[in-house]
N, C-alpha and C. Protein backbone atom coordinates (compact mmCIF):
# COMPACT_ATOMS: atom_id res chain seq x y z
N UNK A 1 118.93 39.33 98.83
CA UNK A 1 119.82 40.67 98.48
C UNK A 1 121.11 40.55 99.00
N UNK A 2 122.08 40.91 98.07
CA UNK A 2 123.72 40.54 98.64
C UNK A 2 124.30 42.10 98.71
N UNK A 3 125.00 42.38 99.85
CA UNK A 3 125.46 43.62 100.18
C UNK A 3 126.87 43.51 99.98
N UNK A 4 127.37 44.70 99.56
CA UNK A 4 128.68 44.83 99.43
C UNK A 4 129.40 45.20 100.67
N UNK A 5 130.70 44.99 100.71
CA UNK A 5 131.48 45.46 102.05
C UNK A 5 131.05 46.93 102.51
N UNK A 6 131.07 47.87 101.52
CA UNK A 6 130.94 49.22 101.70
C UNK A 6 129.58 49.42 102.19
N UNK A 7 128.82 48.76 101.56
CA UNK A 7 127.09 49.01 102.11
C UNK A 7 126.99 48.55 103.36
N UNK A 8 127.60 47.37 103.90
CA UNK A 8 127.52 46.47 104.97
C UNK A 8 128.14 47.70 105.96
N UNK A 9 129.32 48.29 105.70
CA UNK A 9 130.00 49.18 106.61
C UNK A 9 128.96 50.30 107.06
N UNK A 10 128.39 50.62 105.96
CA UNK A 10 127.50 51.94 106.09
C UNK A 10 126.25 51.84 106.87
N UNK A 11 125.71 50.49 106.95
CA UNK A 11 124.70 50.14 107.62
C UNK A 11 124.71 50.13 109.10
N UNK A 12 123.83 50.93 109.90
CA UNK A 12 123.75 50.96 111.28
C UNK A 12 122.57 50.63 111.62
N UNK A 13 122.36 50.27 112.72
CA UNK A 13 121.30 49.93 113.58
C UNK A 13 120.64 51.20 114.18
N UNK A 14 119.29 51.57 113.70
CA UNK A 14 119.01 52.80 114.18
C UNK A 14 118.73 53.00 115.61
N UNK A 15 119.30 54.15 116.21
CA UNK A 15 119.11 54.34 117.54
C UNK A 15 120.13 53.80 118.59
N UNK A 16 121.23 53.00 117.73
CA UNK A 16 122.21 52.23 118.79
C UNK A 16 122.87 53.18 119.63
N UNK A 17 123.22 54.32 118.86
CA UNK A 17 124.05 55.28 119.87
C UNK A 17 123.40 55.83 120.99
N UNK A 18 121.98 56.11 120.82
CA UNK A 18 121.28 56.74 121.85
C UNK A 18 120.95 55.54 122.81
N UNK A 19 120.91 54.43 122.57
CA UNK A 19 120.58 53.33 123.58
C UNK A 19 121.91 52.98 124.40
N UNK A 20 123.14 53.23 123.49
CA UNK A 20 124.17 53.05 124.31
C UNK A 20 124.57 53.90 125.39
N UNK A 21 124.45 55.11 125.00
CA UNK A 21 124.54 56.20 125.75
C UNK A 21 123.68 56.40 127.11
N UNK A 22 122.42 55.90 126.69
CA UNK A 22 121.45 55.95 127.97
C UNK A 22 121.83 54.79 128.74
N UNK A 23 122.31 53.62 128.26
CA UNK A 23 122.60 52.58 129.05
C UNK A 23 123.59 52.81 130.07
N UNK A 24 124.48 53.43 129.29
CA UNK A 24 126.17 53.92 130.18
C UNK A 24 125.54 54.65 131.25
N UNK A 25 124.70 55.73 131.01
CA UNK A 25 124.33 56.52 132.08
C UNK A 25 123.38 55.91 133.06
N UNK A 26 122.73 55.08 132.64
CA UNK A 26 121.68 54.48 133.65
C UNK A 26 122.72 53.63 134.63
N UNK A 27 123.83 53.01 134.15
CA UNK A 27 124.77 52.25 134.84
C UNK A 27 125.70 53.32 135.68
N UNK A 28 125.61 54.48 135.39
CA UNK A 28 126.07 55.54 136.38
C UNK A 28 127.89 55.49 135.66
N UNK A 29 128.14 55.12 134.61
CA UNK A 29 129.52 55.02 134.02
C UNK A 29 129.74 56.39 133.10
N UNK A 30 131.00 56.79 133.04
CA UNK A 30 131.56 57.90 132.50
C UNK A 30 131.75 57.01 131.15
N UNK A 31 132.03 57.85 130.02
CA UNK A 31 132.39 57.17 128.58
C UNK A 31 133.95 56.58 128.93
N UNK A 32 134.61 57.40 129.65
CA UNK A 32 136.08 56.81 130.23
C UNK A 32 136.04 55.48 130.72
N UNK A 33 135.05 55.36 131.84
CA UNK A 33 135.16 54.13 132.56
C UNK A 33 134.50 52.92 131.65
N UNK A 34 133.55 53.27 131.04
CA UNK A 34 133.01 52.20 129.98
C UNK A 34 134.29 51.83 128.84
N UNK A 35 134.76 52.90 128.37
CA UNK A 35 135.97 52.43 127.64
C UNK A 35 137.11 51.38 128.15
N UNK A 36 137.37 51.82 129.53
CA UNK A 36 138.30 51.10 130.32
C UNK A 36 137.85 49.75 130.54
N UNK A 37 136.50 49.58 130.60
CA UNK A 37 136.01 48.18 130.94
C UNK A 37 136.00 47.43 129.60
N UNK A 38 136.03 48.01 128.53
CA UNK A 38 135.78 47.44 127.24
C UNK A 38 136.96 47.21 126.53
N UNK A 39 138.21 48.23 126.97
CA UNK A 39 139.54 47.96 126.54
C UNK A 39 139.59 48.86 125.10
N UNK A 40 138.84 50.22 125.32
CA UNK A 40 138.93 50.98 124.25
C UNK A 40 139.14 52.37 124.88
N UNK A 41 139.08 53.62 124.27
CA UNK A 41 139.52 54.77 124.77
C UNK A 41 138.13 55.42 124.82
N UNK A 42 137.95 56.40 125.33
CA UNK A 42 136.77 57.35 125.85
C UNK A 42 136.40 57.76 124.51
N UNK A 43 137.35 58.15 123.63
CA UNK A 43 137.10 58.87 122.37
C UNK A 43 136.35 57.70 121.13
N UNK A 44 136.48 56.49 121.57
CA UNK A 44 136.06 55.53 120.56
C UNK A 44 134.59 55.43 121.16
N UNK A 45 134.23 55.28 122.74
CA UNK A 45 132.89 55.18 123.10
C UNK A 45 132.12 56.44 122.61
N UNK A 46 132.56 57.88 122.84
CA UNK A 46 132.07 58.72 122.30
C UNK A 46 131.57 58.54 120.68
N UNK A 47 132.30 57.95 119.70
CA UNK A 47 132.04 57.87 118.46
C UNK A 47 130.95 56.65 118.35
N UNK A 48 131.16 55.74 119.07
CA UNK A 48 129.94 54.66 119.13
C UNK A 48 128.33 55.30 119.56
N UNK A 49 128.65 56.44 120.47
CA UNK A 49 127.49 56.82 120.78
C UNK A 49 126.77 57.83 119.78
N UNK A 50 127.52 58.30 118.65
CA UNK A 50 127.09 59.14 117.68
C UNK A 50 125.83 58.21 117.00
N UNK A 51 124.98 59.04 116.13
CA UNK A 51 123.97 58.23 115.57
C UNK A 51 124.37 57.47 114.58
N UNK A 52 125.58 57.92 113.62
CA UNK A 52 125.92 57.10 112.66
C UNK A 52 127.06 56.17 112.59
N UNK A 53 127.43 55.76 113.88
CA UNK A 53 128.54 54.83 114.27
C UNK A 53 128.09 53.52 114.97
N UNK A 54 128.73 52.62 114.87
CA UNK A 54 128.20 51.22 115.57
C UNK A 54 129.71 50.45 115.67
N UNK A 55 129.64 49.71 116.76
CA UNK A 55 131.03 49.01 116.90
C UNK A 55 130.86 47.62 116.23
N UNK A 56 132.14 47.05 115.87
CA UNK A 56 132.16 45.70 115.36
C UNK A 56 131.54 44.76 116.17
N UNK A 57 131.51 43.48 115.90
CA UNK A 57 130.51 42.48 116.76
C UNK A 57 131.20 42.21 117.95
N UNK A 58 132.64 42.14 118.05
CA UNK A 58 133.41 41.57 119.13
C UNK A 58 133.23 42.66 120.02
N UNK A 59 133.41 43.89 119.82
CA UNK A 59 133.19 45.04 120.79
C UNK A 59 131.93 45.06 121.28
N UNK A 60 130.95 44.87 120.54
CA UNK A 60 129.58 44.89 121.03
C UNK A 60 129.40 43.82 121.92
N UNK A 61 129.90 42.92 121.58
CA UNK A 61 129.55 41.78 123.01
C UNK A 61 130.28 42.33 124.19
N UNK A 62 131.54 42.94 124.14
CA UNK A 62 132.21 43.57 125.34
C UNK A 62 131.41 44.61 125.96
N UNK A 63 130.72 45.65 125.16
CA UNK A 63 129.94 46.49 125.47
C UNK A 63 128.92 45.99 126.33
N UNK A 64 128.21 45.11 125.83
CA UNK A 64 126.96 44.43 126.51
C UNK A 64 127.50 43.90 127.60
N UNK A 65 128.50 43.07 128.08
CA UNK A 65 128.94 42.47 129.12
C UNK A 65 129.19 43.72 130.04
N UNK A 66 130.06 44.66 129.67
CA UNK A 66 130.42 45.77 130.80
C UNK A 66 129.08 46.40 131.20
N UNK A 67 128.02 46.32 130.30
CA UNK A 67 126.82 47.23 130.77
C UNK A 67 125.79 46.31 131.39
N UNK A 68 125.80 45.23 131.45
CA UNK A 68 125.16 44.14 131.97
C UNK A 68 123.82 44.06 131.32
N UNK A 69 124.00 43.96 130.06
CA UNK A 69 122.76 43.90 129.24
C UNK A 69 122.86 42.92 128.10
N UNK A 70 121.81 42.39 127.27
CA UNK A 70 122.19 41.60 126.44
C UNK A 70 122.43 42.51 124.93
N UNK A 71 123.17 41.89 123.93
CA UNK A 71 123.42 42.51 122.93
C UNK A 71 122.17 42.77 121.98
N UNK A 72 121.17 41.90 122.11
CA UNK A 72 119.88 42.22 121.73
C UNK A 72 119.31 43.65 122.17
N UNK A 73 119.46 43.83 123.57
CA UNK A 73 118.78 45.00 124.11
C UNK A 73 119.89 46.25 123.63
N UNK A 74 120.92 46.11 123.48
CA UNK A 74 121.72 47.08 122.96
C UNK A 74 121.31 47.65 121.44
N UNK A 75 121.22 46.61 120.74
CA UNK A 75 120.75 46.70 119.15
C UNK A 75 119.24 46.88 118.96
N UNK A 76 118.42 46.96 120.05
CA UNK A 76 117.19 47.51 120.11
C UNK A 76 116.23 46.19 119.66
N UNK A 77 116.63 45.02 119.70
CA UNK A 77 115.80 44.07 119.33
C UNK A 77 114.97 43.41 120.22
N UNK A 78 115.49 43.73 121.55
CA UNK A 78 114.80 43.53 122.83
C UNK A 78 114.73 44.85 123.56
N UNK A 79 113.51 45.06 124.16
CA UNK A 79 113.44 46.28 125.04
C UNK A 79 114.54 46.15 126.25
N UNK A 80 114.77 47.22 126.69
CA UNK A 80 115.68 47.24 127.87
C UNK A 80 114.98 46.64 129.19
N UNK A 81 115.52 45.86 130.07
CA UNK A 81 114.92 45.55 131.28
C UNK A 81 114.88 46.49 132.21
N UNK A 82 116.21 47.04 132.69
CA UNK A 82 116.30 47.94 133.68
C UNK A 82 116.05 49.30 133.27
N UNK A 83 115.14 49.88 134.17
CA UNK A 83 114.73 51.15 134.02
C UNK A 83 115.38 52.11 134.84
N UNK A 84 116.68 51.70 135.41
CA UNK A 84 117.28 52.70 136.44
C UNK A 84 117.77 54.24 135.84
N UNK A 85 117.11 55.21 136.68
CA UNK A 85 117.60 56.18 136.01
C UNK A 85 119.12 56.51 136.26
N UNK A 86 119.60 57.69 135.43
CA UNK A 86 121.15 58.07 135.59
C UNK A 86 121.27 58.67 137.10
N UNK A 87 120.31 59.09 137.48
CA UNK A 87 120.66 59.70 138.86
C UNK A 87 120.61 58.58 140.11
N UNK A 88 119.86 57.62 139.86
CA UNK A 88 119.73 56.50 140.68
C UNK A 88 120.98 55.81 140.72
N UNK A 89 121.56 55.66 139.23
CA UNK A 89 122.82 54.74 139.05
C UNK A 89 123.86 55.39 139.73
N UNK A 90 124.08 56.73 139.49
CA UNK A 90 125.09 57.61 140.31
C UNK A 90 124.93 57.30 141.88
N UNK A 91 123.91 57.39 142.31
CA UNK A 91 123.81 57.35 143.79
C UNK A 91 124.10 55.87 144.13
N UNK A 92 123.81 54.96 143.51
CA UNK A 92 124.10 53.36 143.80
C UNK A 92 125.54 53.13 143.56
N UNK A 93 126.11 53.77 142.49
CA UNK A 93 127.81 53.83 142.55
C UNK A 93 128.25 54.09 143.66
N UNK A 94 127.73 55.36 144.27
CA UNK A 94 128.37 56.08 145.41
C UNK A 94 128.16 55.17 146.50
N UNK A 95 127.04 54.67 146.69
CA UNK A 95 126.91 53.63 147.88
C UNK A 95 127.80 52.44 147.92
N UNK A 96 127.93 51.95 146.61
CA UNK A 96 129.17 50.71 146.43
C UNK A 96 130.40 51.32 147.06
N UNK A 97 130.89 52.36 146.78
CA UNK A 97 132.12 52.97 147.32
C UNK A 97 132.20 53.01 148.73
N UNK A 98 130.99 53.70 149.32
CA UNK A 98 130.64 53.69 150.88
C UNK A 98 130.77 52.42 151.38
N UNK A 99 130.29 51.27 150.60
CA UNK A 99 130.40 50.05 151.15
C UNK A 99 131.56 49.56 151.46
N UNK A 100 132.67 50.02 150.54
CA UNK A 100 134.25 49.39 150.69
C UNK A 100 134.77 50.25 151.68
N UNK A 101 134.33 50.95 152.52
CA UNK A 101 134.99 51.80 153.73
C UNK A 101 135.09 50.64 154.90
N UNK A 102 135.75 51.09 155.70
CA UNK A 102 135.98 50.34 156.97
C UNK A 102 134.67 50.54 157.72
N UNK A 103 134.40 49.39 158.50
CA UNK A 103 132.91 49.47 159.22
C UNK A 103 132.73 50.72 160.12
N UNK A 104 133.52 51.26 160.71
CA UNK A 104 133.44 52.51 161.65
C UNK A 104 132.81 53.71 160.72
N UNK A 105 133.55 53.79 159.37
CA UNK A 105 133.28 54.93 158.52
C UNK A 105 131.93 54.57 157.92
N UNK A 106 131.52 53.35 157.59
CA UNK A 106 130.19 53.05 156.91
C UNK A 106 129.31 53.39 158.11
N UNK A 107 129.44 53.09 159.27
CA UNK A 107 128.40 53.47 160.44
C UNK A 107 128.22 54.92 160.48
N UNK A 108 129.34 55.64 160.31
CA UNK A 108 129.21 57.13 160.30
C UNK A 108 128.59 57.76 159.12
N UNK A 109 128.74 57.18 158.14
CA UNK A 109 128.04 57.76 156.86
C UNK A 109 126.50 57.13 157.10
N UNK A 110 126.10 56.11 157.46
CA UNK A 110 124.82 55.81 157.71
C UNK A 110 124.12 56.76 158.79
N UNK A 111 124.83 57.05 159.74
CA UNK A 111 124.15 57.81 160.81
C UNK A 111 124.21 59.21 160.30
N UNK A 112 124.81 59.84 159.48
CA UNK A 112 124.68 61.14 158.94
C UNK A 112 123.55 61.12 157.83
N UNK A 113 123.42 60.08 157.17
CA UNK A 113 122.12 59.86 156.33
C UNK A 113 120.99 59.90 156.97
N UNK A 114 120.84 59.01 157.94
CA UNK A 114 119.65 58.91 158.75
C UNK A 114 119.26 60.45 159.62
N UNK A 115 120.25 60.81 160.14
CA UNK A 115 120.13 62.28 160.64
C UNK A 115 119.42 63.22 159.76
N UNK A 116 119.90 63.06 158.51
CA UNK A 116 119.29 63.96 157.28
C UNK A 116 117.87 63.74 157.19
N UNK A 117 117.72 62.55 157.08
CA UNK A 117 116.40 62.03 156.51
C UNK A 117 115.47 62.33 157.72
N UNK A 118 115.69 62.14 158.81
CA UNK A 118 114.94 62.18 160.03
C UNK A 118 114.60 63.86 160.21
N UNK A 119 115.73 64.83 159.96
CA UNK A 119 115.23 66.10 160.12
C UNK A 119 114.47 66.49 158.88
N UNK A 120 114.65 66.00 157.62
CA UNK A 120 113.63 66.44 156.52
C UNK A 120 112.40 65.92 156.84
N UNK A 121 112.48 64.65 157.34
CA UNK A 121 110.75 64.01 157.95
C UNK A 121 110.21 64.94 158.73
N UNK A 122 110.85 65.53 160.00
CA UNK A 122 110.29 66.29 160.97
C UNK A 122 109.84 67.65 160.24
N UNK A 123 110.52 68.08 159.35
CA UNK A 123 110.21 69.26 158.75
C UNK A 123 109.14 69.31 157.70
N UNK A 124 108.95 68.01 157.49
CA UNK A 124 107.68 67.83 156.46
C UNK A 124 108.05 68.03 155.13
N UNK A 125 109.07 67.73 154.61
CA UNK A 125 109.64 67.84 153.45
C UNK A 125 109.83 66.54 152.66
C-alpha cells in the first residue's frame, strides 16, 4: 500500500498523546520543562499530548531522550519500563533539589524529615 503525503500526515499512533503526558508526569516534569529540554514551547508539548497530534521523527527522538525512555516505549511498540507514579516523581525531583543544598542545609532537612517520621511512627500512623 502506498500512502499519500496527506494520508501520512493524518496517521497517528493510537495513544501516543496519553503515553507522552503520562511519561512526562511520571518524570515530574511540567509541559514547559519538557518543552525547554526538547527545544519547543509548552504549547507544542500540549499539542503533542492531544489524541490527534504527533511530533515529527526528529522531535520524537528528543522527547524520548528528555524523558529517558525509548522511542518504542513512547510509540507504544514496547511497554514502559518505569512505573514511577507522578507523586513519587515529584518527590524525587524535590529531593534532587535538596541534594544540591549546602551540607548543613541538607542535614537540617533530613533531621526535620526524620523527626516527622518518628512522630508519625509513635502515633501509630
